[in-house]
Amino acid sequence: MKQKILIVEDEKNIARFLELELKHEQFDVAVAYDGRKGLEVATSETFDCILLDVMLPELNGIEVCRRIRKQSDVPVLLLTARDAVMDRVAGLDAGADDYIVKPFAIEELLARIRSILRRVRPVHTTEQLTVRDIRIDPNAYEVFFEGKKLELTRKEYDLLKFLVENLNRVCTRELILENVWGFDSEVETNVVDVYIRHLRTKLLTNSEPYIETVRGVGYVVRG
């Protein structure tokens, strides 16, 4: 069965170009030209990936991404302007999986799509991950902390799971970016620090902190 991609892009020439290229790569493709329509289509049909422009009429791409995340973990790849650093940060905080800066080469976009689809390919396992009072259920994408379900964004979940999978191993920021975000080296590593702070806020404990900073290197979860 072909994998299905939604393009949400208001510049019709770009949308048409992307549609043709993706169809040539044997994807099924749907297109929406404004944020509200994109959100409607994204939440009423099933997609393997969504290409989402940030600057959209009706509803901007950041808000579209945020609303999609309330209902779905479908991978979202943002299409952003070169100088829109804050848009990229806001998009990541809203739950986007990756971004690509306009103008971009179609070969790079296709490579990023393939990378995202590889990372989110479902892995069926009954093995749960535990460390102290944290329990992670990979099948349900759920985390329980001190017996209560922890509300995490998809990226917070992926980051915590990666650190717990590498229990007692110090992970560099670069290693975390590569495995959790899949970004290339031009992405600032401080995005990792931001998400570590988010997790620490949600994992407050009277005992030893769960996530330890190794100065000048990275982070580690110790059992």
N, C-alpha and C. Protein backbone atom coordinates (compact mmCIF):
# COMPACT_ATOMS: atom_id res chain seq x y z
N MET A 1 0.84 -1.19 0.00
CA MET A 1 0.00 0.00 0.00
C MET A 1 0.88 1.25 0.00
N LYS A 2 0.54 2.23 -0.82
CA LYS A 2 1.32 3.46 -0.89
C LYS A 2 1.19 4.26 0.41
N GLN A 3 2.27 4.92 0.77
CA GLN A 3 2.21 5.83 1.90
C GLN A 3 1.60 7.15 1.46
N LYS A 4 0.90 7.78 2.39
CA LYS A 4 0.09 8.95 2.03
C LYS A 4 0.63 10.21 2.71
N ILE A 5 0.79 11.25 1.91
CA ILE A 5 1.33 12.52 2.41
C ILE A 5 0.36 13.66 2.13
N LEU A 6 0.21 14.54 3.12
CA LEU A 6 -0.60 15.75 2.96
C LEU A 6 0.33 16.95 2.83
N ILE A 7 0.11 17.75 1.80
CA ILE A 7 0.84 19.01 1.60
C ILE A 7 -0.10 20.15 1.97
N VAL A 8 0.33 21.00 2.91
CA VAL A 8 -0.45 22.19 3.26
C VAL A 8 0.43 23.40 2.90
N GLU A 9 0.15 24.00 1.76
CA GLU A 9 1.00 25.05 1.20
C GLU A 9 0.13 26.00 0.38
N ASP A 10 0.17 27.31 0.68
CA ASP A 10 -0.70 28.26 -0.01
C ASP A 10 -0.15 28.73 -1.35
N GLU A 11 1.15 28.58 -1.58
CA GLU A 11 1.71 28.93 -2.89
C GLU A 11 1.46 27.77 -3.84
N LYS A 12 0.52 27.96 -4.75
CA LYS A 12 0.03 26.83 -5.55
C LYS A 12 1.09 26.26 -6.47
N ASN A 13 2.01 27.09 -6.95
CA ASN A 13 3.08 26.56 -7.80
C ASN A 13 3.97 25.60 -7.03
N ILE A 14 4.29 25.98 -5.79
CA ILE A 14 5.12 25.11 -4.95
C ILE A 14 4.35 23.84 -4.61
N ALA A 15 3.08 24.00 -4.24
CA ALA A 15 2.26 22.84 -3.88
C ALA A 15 2.17 21.86 -5.05
N ARG A 16 1.98 22.38 -6.23
CA ARG A 16 1.86 21.52 -7.42
C ARG A 16 3.18 20.81 -7.71
N PHE A 17 4.28 21.53 -7.59
CA PHE A 17 5.60 20.93 -7.80
C PHE A 17 5.84 19.79 -6.82
N LEU A 18 5.55 20.04 -5.54
CA LEU A 18 5.74 19.00 -4.53
C LEU A 18 4.83 17.81 -4.78
N GLU A 19 3.60 18.09 -5.16
CA GLU A 19 2.64 17.01 -5.45
C GLU A 19 3.16 16.10 -6.56
N LEU A 20 3.64 16.70 -7.64
CA LEU A 20 4.14 15.90 -8.78
C LEU A 20 5.37 15.09 -8.39
N GLU A 21 6.29 15.72 -7.65
CA GLU A 21 7.50 15.01 -7.25
C GLU A 21 7.19 13.84 -6.32
N LEU A 22 6.29 14.05 -5.39
CA LEU A 22 5.94 12.99 -4.45
C LEU A 22 5.18 11.86 -5.13
N LYS A 23 4.32 12.22 -6.06
CA LYS A 23 3.63 11.17 -6.81
C LYS A 23 4.61 10.35 -7.65
N HIS A 24 5.63 11.05 -8.18
CA HIS A 24 6.67 10.36 -8.94
C HIS A 24 7.41 9.36 -8.06
N GLU A 25 7.51 9.68 -6.75
CA GLU A 25 8.16 8.78 -5.80
C GLU A 25 7.19 7.74 -5.24
N GLN A 26 6.02 7.63 -5.85
CA GLN A 26 5.04 6.61 -5.51
C GLN A 26 4.32 6.83 -4.19
N PHE A 27 4.19 8.11 -3.79
CA PHE A 27 3.35 8.43 -2.64
C PHE A 27 1.95 8.79 -3.13
N ASP A 28 0.95 8.52 -2.30
CA ASP A 28 -0.37 9.11 -2.50
C ASP A 28 -0.32 10.51 -1.89
N VAL A 29 -0.90 11.50 -2.56
CA VAL A 29 -0.74 12.88 -2.12
C VAL A 29 -2.09 13.60 -2.07
N ALA A 30 -2.31 14.33 -0.99
CA ALA A 30 -3.45 15.24 -0.87
C ALA A 30 -2.89 16.64 -0.65
N VAL A 31 -3.64 17.66 -1.07
CA VAL A 31 -3.15 19.04 -0.99
C VAL A 31 -4.23 19.94 -0.39
N ALA A 32 -3.81 20.83 0.48
CA ALA A 32 -4.69 21.88 1.01
C ALA A 32 -3.94 23.20 0.90
N TYR A 33 -4.69 24.31 0.65
CA TYR A 33 -4.05 25.59 0.36
C TYR A 33 -4.20 26.63 1.46
N ASP A 34 -4.82 26.28 2.57
CA ASP A 34 -4.86 27.20 3.72
C ASP A 34 -4.89 26.38 5.01
N GLY A 35 -4.63 27.06 6.12
CA GLY A 35 -4.49 26.36 7.38
C GLY A 35 -5.74 25.64 7.86
N ARG A 36 -6.88 26.29 7.71
CA ARG A 36 -8.12 25.66 8.20
C ARG A 36 -8.46 24.40 7.41
N LYS A 37 -8.32 24.48 6.10
CA LYS A 37 -8.58 23.31 5.27
C LYS A 37 -7.56 22.21 5.57
N GLY A 38 -6.30 22.63 5.75
CA GLY A 38 -5.27 21.65 6.07
C GLY A 38 -5.56 20.92 7.36
N LEU A 39 -5.99 21.66 8.37
CA LEU A 39 -6.32 21.05 9.66
C LEU A 39 -7.50 20.10 9.52
N GLU A 40 -8.50 20.53 8.77
CA GLU A 40 -9.68 19.68 8.55
C GLU A 40 -9.30 18.36 7.89
N VAL A 41 -8.49 18.45 6.83
CA VAL A 41 -8.08 17.23 6.11
C VAL A 41 -7.18 16.37 7.00
N ALA A 42 -6.25 17.00 7.70
CA ALA A 42 -5.29 16.26 8.53
C ALA A 42 -5.97 15.47 9.64
N THR A 43 -7.06 16.00 10.16
CA THR A 43 -7.73 15.36 11.30
C THR A 43 -8.91 14.48 10.89
N SER A 44 -9.22 14.46 9.60
CA SER A 44 -10.33 13.63 9.14
C SER A 44 -9.87 12.42 8.32
N GLU A 45 -8.59 12.43 7.92
CA GLU A 45 -8.03 11.32 7.16
C GLU A 45 -6.74 10.86 7.82
N THR A 46 -6.24 9.70 7.39
CA THR A 46 -5.01 9.15 7.94
C THR A 46 -3.85 9.38 6.97
N PHE A 47 -2.77 9.98 7.49
CA PHE A 47 -1.59 10.25 6.66
C PHE A 47 -0.35 9.67 7.34
N ASP A 48 0.66 9.40 6.51
CA ASP A 48 1.94 8.93 7.03
C ASP A 48 2.88 10.09 7.34
N CYS A 49 2.64 11.24 6.70
CA CYS A 49 3.47 12.42 6.93
C CYS A 49 2.72 13.65 6.43
N ILE A 50 2.97 14.80 7.08
CA ILE A 50 2.36 16.06 6.66
C ILE A 50 3.46 17.08 6.42
N LEU A 51 3.46 17.69 5.22
CA LEU A 51 4.35 18.81 4.90
C LEU A 51 3.56 20.08 5.15
N LEU A 52 4.01 20.89 6.10
CA LEU A 52 3.20 22.00 6.59
C LEU A 52 3.96 23.31 6.50
N ASP A 53 3.49 24.21 5.64
CA ASP A 53 4.09 25.54 5.55
C ASP A 53 3.74 26.32 6.81
N VAL A 54 4.66 27.17 7.25
CA VAL A 54 4.41 27.96 8.45
C VAL A 54 3.50 29.15 8.15
N MET A 55 3.78 29.86 7.07
CA MET A 55 3.02 31.07 6.74
C MET A 55 1.83 30.70 5.87
N LEU A 56 0.68 30.51 6.51
CA LEU A 56 -0.53 30.09 5.81
C LEU A 56 -1.66 31.07 6.09
N PRO A 57 -2.56 31.27 5.11
CA PRO A 57 -3.77 32.06 5.38
C PRO A 57 -4.75 31.27 6.25
N GLU A 58 -5.68 31.98 6.85
CA GLU A 58 -6.75 31.41 7.69
C GLU A 58 -6.25 30.95 9.06
N LEU A 59 -5.19 30.12 9.07
CA LEU A 59 -4.65 29.59 10.32
C LEU A 59 -3.18 29.27 10.07
N ASN A 60 -2.28 29.85 10.86
CA ASN A 60 -0.86 29.64 10.55
C ASN A 60 -0.42 28.21 10.88
N GLY A 61 0.71 27.82 10.28
CA GLY A 61 1.16 26.45 10.39
C GLY A 61 1.49 26.01 11.81
N ILE A 62 1.97 26.94 12.65
CA ILE A 62 2.28 26.59 14.03
C ILE A 62 1.02 26.16 14.77
N GLU A 63 -0.05 26.93 14.58
CA GLU A 63 -1.31 26.59 15.25
C GLU A 63 -1.91 25.31 14.67
N VAL A 64 -1.77 25.13 13.37
CA VAL A 64 -2.26 23.89 12.75
C VAL A 64 -1.54 22.69 13.38
N CYS A 65 -0.22 22.79 13.50
CA CYS A 65 0.57 21.71 14.10
C CYS A 65 0.13 21.45 15.53
N ARG A 66 -0.06 22.50 16.29
CA ARG A 66 -0.46 22.35 17.69
C ARG A 66 -1.80 21.62 17.80
N ARG A 67 -2.73 21.97 16.93
CA ARG A 67 -4.05 21.33 16.99
C ARG A 67 -4.01 19.88 16.50
N ILE A 68 -3.17 19.63 15.50
CA ILE A 68 -3.01 18.25 15.04
C ILE A 68 -2.48 17.38 16.18
N ARG A 69 -1.52 17.92 16.94
CA ARG A 69 -0.90 17.15 18.01
C ARG A 69 -1.87 16.76 19.12
N LYS A 70 -2.97 17.48 19.24
CA LYS A 70 -3.96 17.13 20.25
C LYS A 70 -4.70 15.86 19.88
N GLN A 71 -4.64 15.48 18.59
CA GLN A 71 -5.39 14.33 18.12
C GLN A 71 -4.54 13.23 17.51
N SER A 72 -3.31 13.55 17.11
CA SER A 72 -2.55 12.60 16.31
C SER A 72 -1.05 12.77 16.51
N ASP A 73 -0.31 11.66 16.33
CA ASP A 73 1.15 11.69 16.35
C ASP A 73 1.74 11.61 14.95
N VAL A 74 0.93 11.90 13.93
CA VAL A 74 1.42 11.85 12.56
C VAL A 74 2.66 12.74 12.42
N PRO A 75 3.71 12.29 11.75
CA PRO A 75 4.90 13.12 11.57
C PRO A 75 4.59 14.40 10.80
N VAL A 76 5.12 15.52 11.28
CA VAL A 76 4.93 16.82 10.65
C VAL A 76 6.29 17.41 10.31
N LEU A 77 6.47 17.77 9.05
CA LEU A 77 7.69 18.42 8.59
C LEU A 77 7.34 19.84 8.18
N LEU A 78 7.92 20.82 8.86
CA LEU A 78 7.62 22.23 8.58
C LEU A 78 8.42 22.75 7.39
N LEU A 79 7.77 23.59 6.59
CA LEU A 79 8.44 24.32 5.51
C LEU A 79 8.55 25.77 5.98
N THR A 80 9.78 26.24 6.22
CA THR A 80 9.94 27.54 6.84
C THR A 80 10.81 28.47 5.99
N ALA A 81 10.68 29.77 6.27
CA ALA A 81 11.51 30.77 5.62
C ALA A 81 12.89 30.79 6.27
N ARG A 82 13.89 31.18 5.50
CA ARG A 82 15.27 31.13 5.97
C ARG A 82 15.50 31.95 7.24
N ASP A 83 14.85 33.10 7.37
CA ASP A 83 15.12 33.98 8.50
C ASP A 83 14.13 33.81 9.64
N ALA A 84 13.29 32.77 9.57
CA ALA A 84 12.23 32.61 10.57
C ALA A 84 12.67 31.65 11.68
N VAL A 85 13.73 32.02 12.41
CA VAL A 85 14.24 31.15 13.45
C VAL A 85 13.19 30.88 14.53
N MET A 86 12.50 31.94 14.95
CA MET A 86 11.51 31.77 16.02
C MET A 86 10.34 30.90 15.56
N ASP A 87 10.01 30.97 14.26
CA ASP A 87 8.96 30.10 13.75
C ASP A 87 9.38 28.64 13.86
N ARG A 88 10.65 28.37 13.59
CA ARG A 88 11.13 27.00 13.68
C ARG A 88 11.10 26.51 15.13
N VAL A 89 11.54 27.35 16.05
CA VAL A 89 11.51 26.99 17.46
C VAL A 89 10.06 26.76 17.92
N ALA A 90 9.17 27.68 17.53
CA ALA A 90 7.76 27.54 17.91
C ALA A 90 7.16 26.27 17.32
N GLY A 91 7.55 25.95 16.08
CA GLY A 91 7.05 24.73 15.45
C GLY A 91 7.49 23.48 16.16
N LEU A 92 8.75 23.44 16.59
CA LEU A 92 9.25 22.29 17.33
C LEU A 92 8.53 22.17 18.67
N ASP A 93 8.33 23.30 19.34
CA ASP A 93 7.60 23.28 20.61
C ASP A 93 6.16 22.84 20.42
N ALA A 94 5.59 23.11 19.24
CA ALA A 94 4.21 22.72 18.96
C ALA A 94 4.09 21.25 18.58
N GLY A 95 5.26 20.58 18.38
CA GLY A 95 5.22 19.15 18.12
C GLY A 95 5.70 18.71 16.76
N ALA A 96 6.26 19.64 15.96
CA ALA A 96 6.79 19.25 14.65
C ALA A 96 7.97 18.30 14.82
N ASP A 97 8.14 17.40 13.86
CA ASP A 97 9.21 16.41 13.93
C ASP A 97 10.50 16.89 13.27
N ASP A 98 10.38 17.78 12.30
CA ASP A 98 11.55 18.25 11.56
C ASP A 98 11.15 19.51 10.82
N TYR A 99 12.14 20.18 10.22
CA TYR A 99 11.83 21.32 9.38
C TYR A 99 12.84 21.40 8.24
N ILE A 100 12.47 22.08 7.19
CA ILE A 100 13.38 22.33 6.07
C ILE A 100 13.17 23.76 5.65
N VAL A 101 14.28 24.43 5.33
CA VAL A 101 14.25 25.86 5.04
C VAL A 101 14.10 26.11 3.54
N LYS A 102 13.18 27.00 3.19
CA LYS A 102 13.02 27.40 1.80
C LYS A 102 14.11 28.40 1.41
N PRO A 103 14.60 28.37 0.17
CA PRO A 103 14.34 27.36 -0.86
C PRO A 103 15.15 26.09 -0.58
N PHE A 104 14.59 24.95 -0.91
CA PHE A 104 15.26 23.69 -0.63
C PHE A 104 15.32 22.85 -1.90
N ALA A 105 16.27 21.94 -1.93
CA ALA A 105 16.39 20.99 -3.03
C ALA A 105 15.41 19.84 -2.79
N ILE A 106 14.73 19.42 -3.83
CA ILE A 106 13.74 18.35 -3.66
C ILE A 106 14.39 17.07 -3.14
N GLU A 107 15.66 16.85 -3.50
CA GLU A 107 16.36 15.65 -3.03
C GLU A 107 16.50 15.67 -1.51
N GLU A 108 16.77 16.86 -0.94
CA GLU A 108 16.89 16.95 0.52
C GLU A 108 15.53 16.72 1.18
N LEU A 109 14.48 17.29 0.60
CA LEU A 109 13.15 17.09 1.17
C LEU A 109 12.79 15.61 1.16
N LEU A 110 13.04 14.92 0.05
CA LEU A 110 12.71 13.50 -0.03
C LEU A 110 13.52 12.70 0.98
N ALA A 111 14.77 13.08 1.17
CA ALA A 111 15.61 12.39 2.16
C ALA A 111 15.07 12.58 3.56
N ARG A 112 14.61 13.79 3.87
CA ARG A 112 14.06 14.05 5.20
C ARG A 112 12.76 13.28 5.42
N ILE A 113 11.93 13.21 4.38
CA ILE A 113 10.69 12.43 4.49
C ILE A 113 11.01 10.97 4.75
N ARG A 114 11.95 10.41 3.99
CA ARG A 114 12.33 9.00 4.20
C ARG A 114 12.87 8.79 5.61
N SER A 115 13.66 9.75 6.10
CA SER A 115 14.22 9.63 7.45
C SER A 115 13.11 9.63 8.49
N ILE A 116 12.16 10.54 8.35
CA ILE A 116 11.03 10.59 9.29
C ILE A 116 10.24 9.30 9.27
N LEU A 117 9.95 8.79 8.08
CA LEU A 117 9.15 7.57 7.97
C LEU A 117 9.87 6.37 8.56
N ARG A 118 11.21 6.35 8.44
CA ARG A 118 11.96 5.26 9.08
C ARG A 118 11.88 5.36 10.59
N ARG A 119 11.99 6.58 11.12
CA ARG A 119 12.01 6.76 12.58
C ARG A 119 10.67 6.41 13.21
N VAL A 120 9.58 6.65 12.50
CA VAL A 120 8.27 6.43 13.12
C VAL A 120 7.68 5.08 12.76
N ARG A 121 8.43 4.27 12.00
CA ARG A 121 7.93 2.94 11.67
C ARG A 121 7.64 2.20 12.98
N PRO A 122 6.42 1.67 13.13
CA PRO A 122 6.05 1.08 14.42
C PRO A 122 6.89 -0.13 14.77
N VAL A 123 7.32 -0.19 16.00
CA VAL A 123 8.03 -1.34 16.51
C VAL A 123 7.15 -1.98 17.60
N HIS A 124 6.71 -3.20 17.35
CA HIS A 124 5.78 -3.85 18.26
C HIS A 124 6.57 -4.63 19.32
N THR A 125 6.45 -4.21 20.54
CA THR A 125 7.14 -4.88 21.63
C THR A 125 6.29 -4.81 22.87
N THR A 126 6.35 -5.85 23.68
CA THR A 126 5.60 -5.85 24.92
C THR A 126 6.47 -5.41 26.09
N GLU A 127 7.76 -5.18 25.82
CA GLU A 127 8.70 -4.84 26.88
C GLU A 127 8.53 -3.40 27.33
N GLN A 128 8.28 -3.20 28.61
CA GLN A 128 8.16 -1.86 29.16
C GLN A 128 9.51 -1.46 29.76
N LEU A 129 9.75 -0.16 29.76
CA LEU A 129 10.99 0.38 30.29
C LEU A 129 10.73 0.99 31.65
N THR A 130 11.56 0.66 32.62
CA THR A 130 11.38 1.22 33.96
C THR A 130 12.71 1.71 34.51
N VAL A 131 12.65 2.80 35.25
CA VAL A 131 13.78 3.28 36.02
C VAL A 131 13.21 4.02 37.23
N ARG A 132 13.52 3.49 38.42
CA ARG A 132 12.96 4.04 39.66
C ARG A 132 11.44 4.17 39.56
N ASP A 133 10.89 5.39 39.63
CA ASP A 133 9.43 5.56 39.61
C ASP A 133 8.90 5.92 38.23
N ILE A 134 9.70 5.71 37.19
CA ILE A 134 9.25 5.97 35.81
C ILE A 134 8.96 4.63 35.13
N ARG A 135 7.82 4.55 34.48
CA ARG A 135 7.50 3.37 33.67
C ARG A 135 7.03 3.84 32.29
N ILE A 136 7.67 3.33 31.24
CA ILE A 136 7.35 3.72 29.87
C ILE A 136 6.75 2.52 29.15
N ASP A 137 5.58 2.73 28.55
CA ASP A 137 4.90 1.69 27.76
C ASP A 137 5.03 2.05 26.29
N PRO A 138 5.98 1.44 25.54
CA PRO A 138 6.20 1.80 24.14
C PRO A 138 5.02 1.50 23.23
N ASN A 139 4.20 0.51 23.59
CA ASN A 139 3.06 0.17 22.75
C ASN A 139 1.98 1.23 22.79
N ALA A 140 1.79 1.82 23.97
CA ALA A 140 0.73 2.82 24.14
C ALA A 140 1.26 4.26 24.09
N TYR A 141 2.59 4.42 23.93
CA TYR A 141 3.21 5.76 23.96
C TYR A 141 2.80 6.49 25.25
N GLU A 142 2.88 5.78 26.36
CA GLU A 142 2.49 6.36 27.64
C GLU A 142 3.64 6.26 28.64
N VAL A 143 3.69 7.26 29.52
CA VAL A 143 4.68 7.28 30.59
C VAL A 143 3.96 7.46 31.91
N PHE A 144 4.34 6.66 32.90
CA PHE A 144 3.77 6.78 34.24
C PHE A 144 4.89 7.16 35.21
N PHE A 145 4.60 8.16 36.03
CA PHE A 145 5.58 8.67 36.99
C PHE A 145 4.95 8.67 38.36
N GLU A 146 5.57 7.94 39.28
CA GLU A 146 5.04 7.79 40.63
C GLU A 146 3.59 7.31 40.61
N GLY A 147 3.32 6.39 39.66
CA GLY A 147 2.01 5.76 39.57
C GLY A 147 0.96 6.53 38.80
N LYS A 148 1.28 7.73 38.33
CA LYS A 148 0.31 8.55 37.60
C LYS A 148 0.77 8.77 36.16
N LYS A 149 -0.18 8.81 35.25
CA LYS A 149 0.15 9.04 33.85
C LYS A 149 0.73 10.44 33.67
N LEU A 150 1.83 10.52 32.95
CA LEU A 150 2.52 11.79 32.73
C LEU A 150 2.13 12.33 31.36
N GLU A 151 1.72 13.59 31.33
CA GLU A 151 1.33 14.21 30.07
C GLU A 151 2.58 14.78 29.40
N LEU A 152 2.99 14.16 28.30
CA LEU A 152 4.18 14.58 27.56
C LEU A 152 3.83 14.85 26.10
N THR A 153 4.54 15.78 25.49
CA THR A 153 4.44 15.93 24.04
C THR A 153 5.15 14.75 23.39
N ARG A 154 4.93 14.56 22.10
CA ARG A 154 5.58 13.45 21.40
C ARG A 154 7.10 13.56 21.51
N LYS A 155 7.65 14.77 21.36
CA LYS A 155 9.09 14.92 21.39
C LYS A 155 9.63 14.71 22.81
N GLU A 156 8.91 15.16 23.83
CA GLU A 156 9.33 14.90 25.20
C GLU A 156 9.35 13.39 25.48
N TYR A 157 8.33 12.71 24.98
CA TYR A 157 8.27 11.25 25.14
C TYR A 157 9.47 10.58 24.46
N ASP A 158 9.74 10.96 23.22
CA ASP A 158 10.85 10.36 22.48
C ASP A 158 12.18 10.60 23.18
N LEU A 159 12.37 11.81 23.71
CA LEU A 159 13.61 12.15 24.39
C LEU A 159 13.77 11.33 25.67
N LEU A 160 12.72 11.27 26.47
CA LEU A 160 12.81 10.49 27.71
C LEU A 160 13.05 9.01 27.41
N LYS A 161 12.35 8.49 26.44
CA LYS A 161 12.51 7.07 26.08
C LYS A 161 13.94 6.79 25.63
N PHE A 162 14.51 7.68 24.83
CA PHE A 162 15.87 7.49 24.36
C PHE A 162 16.86 7.48 25.53
N LEU A 163 16.70 8.40 26.46
CA LEU A 163 17.60 8.46 27.61
C LEU A 163 17.47 7.22 28.50
N VAL A 164 16.22 6.76 28.69
CA VAL A 164 16.01 5.58 29.53
C VAL A 164 16.55 4.33 28.82
N GLU A 165 16.38 4.25 27.51
CA GLU A 165 16.94 3.12 26.75
C GLU A 165 18.46 3.08 26.88
N ASN A 166 19.06 4.26 27.07
CA ASN A 166 20.51 4.34 27.22
C ASN A 166 20.89 4.58 28.70
N LEU A 167 20.21 3.88 29.58
CA LEU A 167 20.39 4.04 31.02
C LEU A 167 21.87 3.95 31.41
N ASN A 168 22.30 4.95 32.19
CA ASN A 168 23.68 5.04 32.70
C ASN A 168 24.71 5.37 31.63
N ARG A 169 24.25 5.64 30.41
CA ARG A 169 25.17 6.05 29.34
C ARG A 169 25.04 7.56 29.14
N VAL A 170 26.15 8.26 29.15
CA VAL A 170 26.12 9.70 28.91
C VAL A 170 25.91 9.94 27.42
N CYS A 171 24.83 10.65 27.08
CA CYS A 171 24.49 10.93 25.68
C CYS A 171 24.80 12.39 25.35
N THR A 172 25.58 12.61 24.33
CA THR A 172 25.89 13.96 23.92
C THR A 172 24.66 14.60 23.29
N ARG A 173 24.66 15.92 23.23
CA ARG A 173 23.56 16.62 22.59
C ARG A 173 23.45 16.22 21.12
N GLU A 174 24.60 16.05 20.47
CA GLU A 174 24.59 15.67 19.06
C GLU A 174 23.97 14.29 18.86
N LEU A 175 24.29 13.37 19.76
CA LEU A 175 23.71 12.02 19.67
C LEU A 175 22.21 12.06 19.89
N ILE A 176 21.78 12.87 20.84
CA ILE A 176 20.34 13.01 21.10
C ILE A 176 19.63 13.60 19.90
N LEU A 177 20.19 14.67 19.32
CA LEU A 177 19.58 15.29 18.13
C LEU A 177 19.43 14.27 17.01
N GLU A 178 20.49 13.51 16.77
CA GLU A 178 20.48 12.56 15.66
C GLU A 178 19.41 11.49 15.85
N ASN A 179 19.25 11.02 17.09
CA ASN A 179 18.34 9.90 17.33
C ASN A 179 16.91 10.30 17.65
N VAL A 180 16.73 11.50 18.23
CA VAL A 180 15.38 11.92 18.60
C VAL A 180 14.78 12.85 17.55
N TRP A 181 15.59 13.78 17.03
CA TRP A 181 15.09 14.72 16.03
C TRP A 181 15.47 14.31 14.61
N GLY A 182 16.62 13.67 14.44
CA GLY A 182 17.06 13.28 13.11
C GLY A 182 17.56 14.45 12.30
N PHE A 183 17.90 15.56 12.95
CA PHE A 183 18.33 16.75 12.24
C PHE A 183 19.77 16.63 11.79
N ASP A 184 20.15 17.46 10.81
CA ASP A 184 21.55 17.55 10.42
C ASP A 184 22.26 18.50 11.38
N SER A 185 23.58 18.65 11.17
CA SER A 185 24.42 19.32 12.15
C SER A 185 24.18 20.83 12.24
N GLU A 186 23.47 21.42 11.29
CA GLU A 186 23.27 22.87 11.33
C GLU A 186 22.24 23.29 12.37
N VAL A 187 21.50 22.34 12.91
CA VAL A 187 20.49 22.66 13.92
C VAL A 187 21.17 22.90 15.26
N GLU A 188 20.75 23.93 15.97
CA GLU A 188 21.35 24.28 17.25
C GLU A 188 21.07 23.21 18.30
N THR A 189 22.13 22.81 18.99
CA THR A 189 21.96 21.76 20.00
C THR A 189 21.21 22.25 21.23
N ASN A 190 21.03 23.58 21.37
CA ASN A 190 20.34 24.06 22.57
C ASN A 190 18.86 23.68 22.60
N VAL A 191 18.32 23.19 21.47
CA VAL A 191 16.95 22.69 21.51
C VAL A 191 16.85 21.50 22.46
N VAL A 192 17.93 20.73 22.57
CA VAL A 192 17.95 19.61 23.52
C VAL A 192 17.84 20.13 24.95
N ASP A 193 18.57 21.20 25.26
CA ASP A 193 18.52 21.78 26.61
C ASP A 193 17.12 22.24 26.98
N VAL A 194 16.41 22.81 25.99
CA VAL A 194 15.04 23.27 26.22
C VAL A 194 14.14 22.10 26.62
N TYR A 195 14.25 21.00 25.90
CA TYR A 195 13.39 19.86 26.17
C TYR A 195 13.80 19.13 27.46
N ILE A 196 15.08 19.15 27.77
CA ILE A 196 15.52 18.59 29.06
C ILE A 196 14.88 19.37 30.21
N ARG A 197 14.84 20.69 30.09
CA ARG A 197 14.18 21.50 31.13
C ARG A 197 12.71 21.16 31.25
N HIS A 198 12.04 20.96 30.12
CA HIS A 198 10.63 20.57 30.16
C HIS A 198 10.46 19.27 30.94
N LEU A 199 11.31 18.28 30.63
CA LEU A 199 11.19 16.98 31.30
C LEU A 199 11.48 17.09 32.79
N ARG A 200 12.49 17.85 33.15
CA ARG A 200 12.84 17.99 34.56
C ARG A 200 11.68 18.60 35.35
N THR A 201 11.00 19.55 34.73
CA THR A 201 9.86 20.17 35.40
C THR A 201 8.78 19.14 35.69
N LYS A 202 8.62 18.18 34.78
CA LYS A 202 7.57 17.18 34.93
C LYS A 202 8.00 15.97 35.76
N LEU A 203 9.30 15.87 36.04
CA LEU A 203 9.83 14.73 36.79
C LEU A 203 10.41 15.19 38.13
N LEU A 204 9.76 16.16 38.74
CA LEU A 204 10.24 16.66 40.03
C LEU A 204 10.15 15.57 41.09
N THR A 205 11.19 15.46 41.89
CA THR A 205 11.23 14.41 42.91
C THR A 205 12.04 14.92 44.10
N ASN A 206 11.77 14.37 45.27
CA ASN A 206 12.52 14.74 46.47
C ASN A 206 13.84 13.99 46.56
N SER A 207 14.01 12.96 45.74
CA SER A 207 15.26 12.21 45.74
C SER A 207 16.18 12.74 44.64
N GLU A 208 17.15 11.94 44.22
CA GLU A 208 18.09 12.37 43.19
C GLU A 208 17.35 12.65 41.88
N PRO A 209 17.70 13.75 41.19
CA PRO A 209 17.04 14.05 39.90
C PRO A 209 17.23 12.90 38.91
N TYR A 210 16.25 12.73 38.05
CA TYR A 210 16.32 11.64 37.08
C TYR A 210 17.33 11.92 35.96
N ILE A 211 17.41 13.17 35.54
CA ILE A 211 18.29 13.51 34.42
C ILE A 211 19.46 14.32 34.94
N GLU A 212 20.64 13.77 34.78
CA GLU A 212 21.85 14.41 35.27
C GLU A 212 22.59 15.10 34.11
N THR A 213 23.07 16.30 34.36
CA THR A 213 23.89 17.00 33.37
C THR A 213 25.35 16.63 33.57
N VAL A 214 25.99 16.21 32.50
CA VAL A 214 27.44 15.99 32.52
C VAL A 214 28.06 17.18 31.80
N ARG A 215 28.62 18.08 32.56
CA ARG A 215 29.07 19.36 32.03
C ARG A 215 30.02 19.20 30.85
N GLY A 216 29.70 19.93 29.78
CA GLY A 216 30.53 19.89 28.59
C GLY A 216 30.33 18.68 27.71
N VAL A 217 29.43 17.77 28.14
CA VAL A 217 29.24 16.53 27.35
C VAL A 217 27.77 16.39 26.94
N GLY A 218 26.89 16.17 27.94
CA GLY A 218 25.49 15.95 27.61
C GLY A 218 24.68 15.57 28.82
N TYR A 219 23.84 14.53 28.67
CA TYR A 219 22.90 14.15 29.73
C TYR A 219 22.89 12.64 29.91
N VAL A 220 22.47 12.24 31.12
CA VAL A 220 22.38 10.81 31.42
C VAL A 220 21.25 10.58 32.43
N VAL A 221 20.53 9.50 32.25
CA VAL A 221 19.57 9.02 33.25
C VAL A 221 20.25 7.84 33.93
N ARG A 222 20.35 7.93 35.26
CA ARG A 222 21.01 6.86 36.01
C ARG A 222 19.97 6.05 36.80
N GLY A 223 20.19 4.75 36.82
CA GLY A 223 19.26 3.87 37.51
C GLY A 223 19.52 3.84 39.01
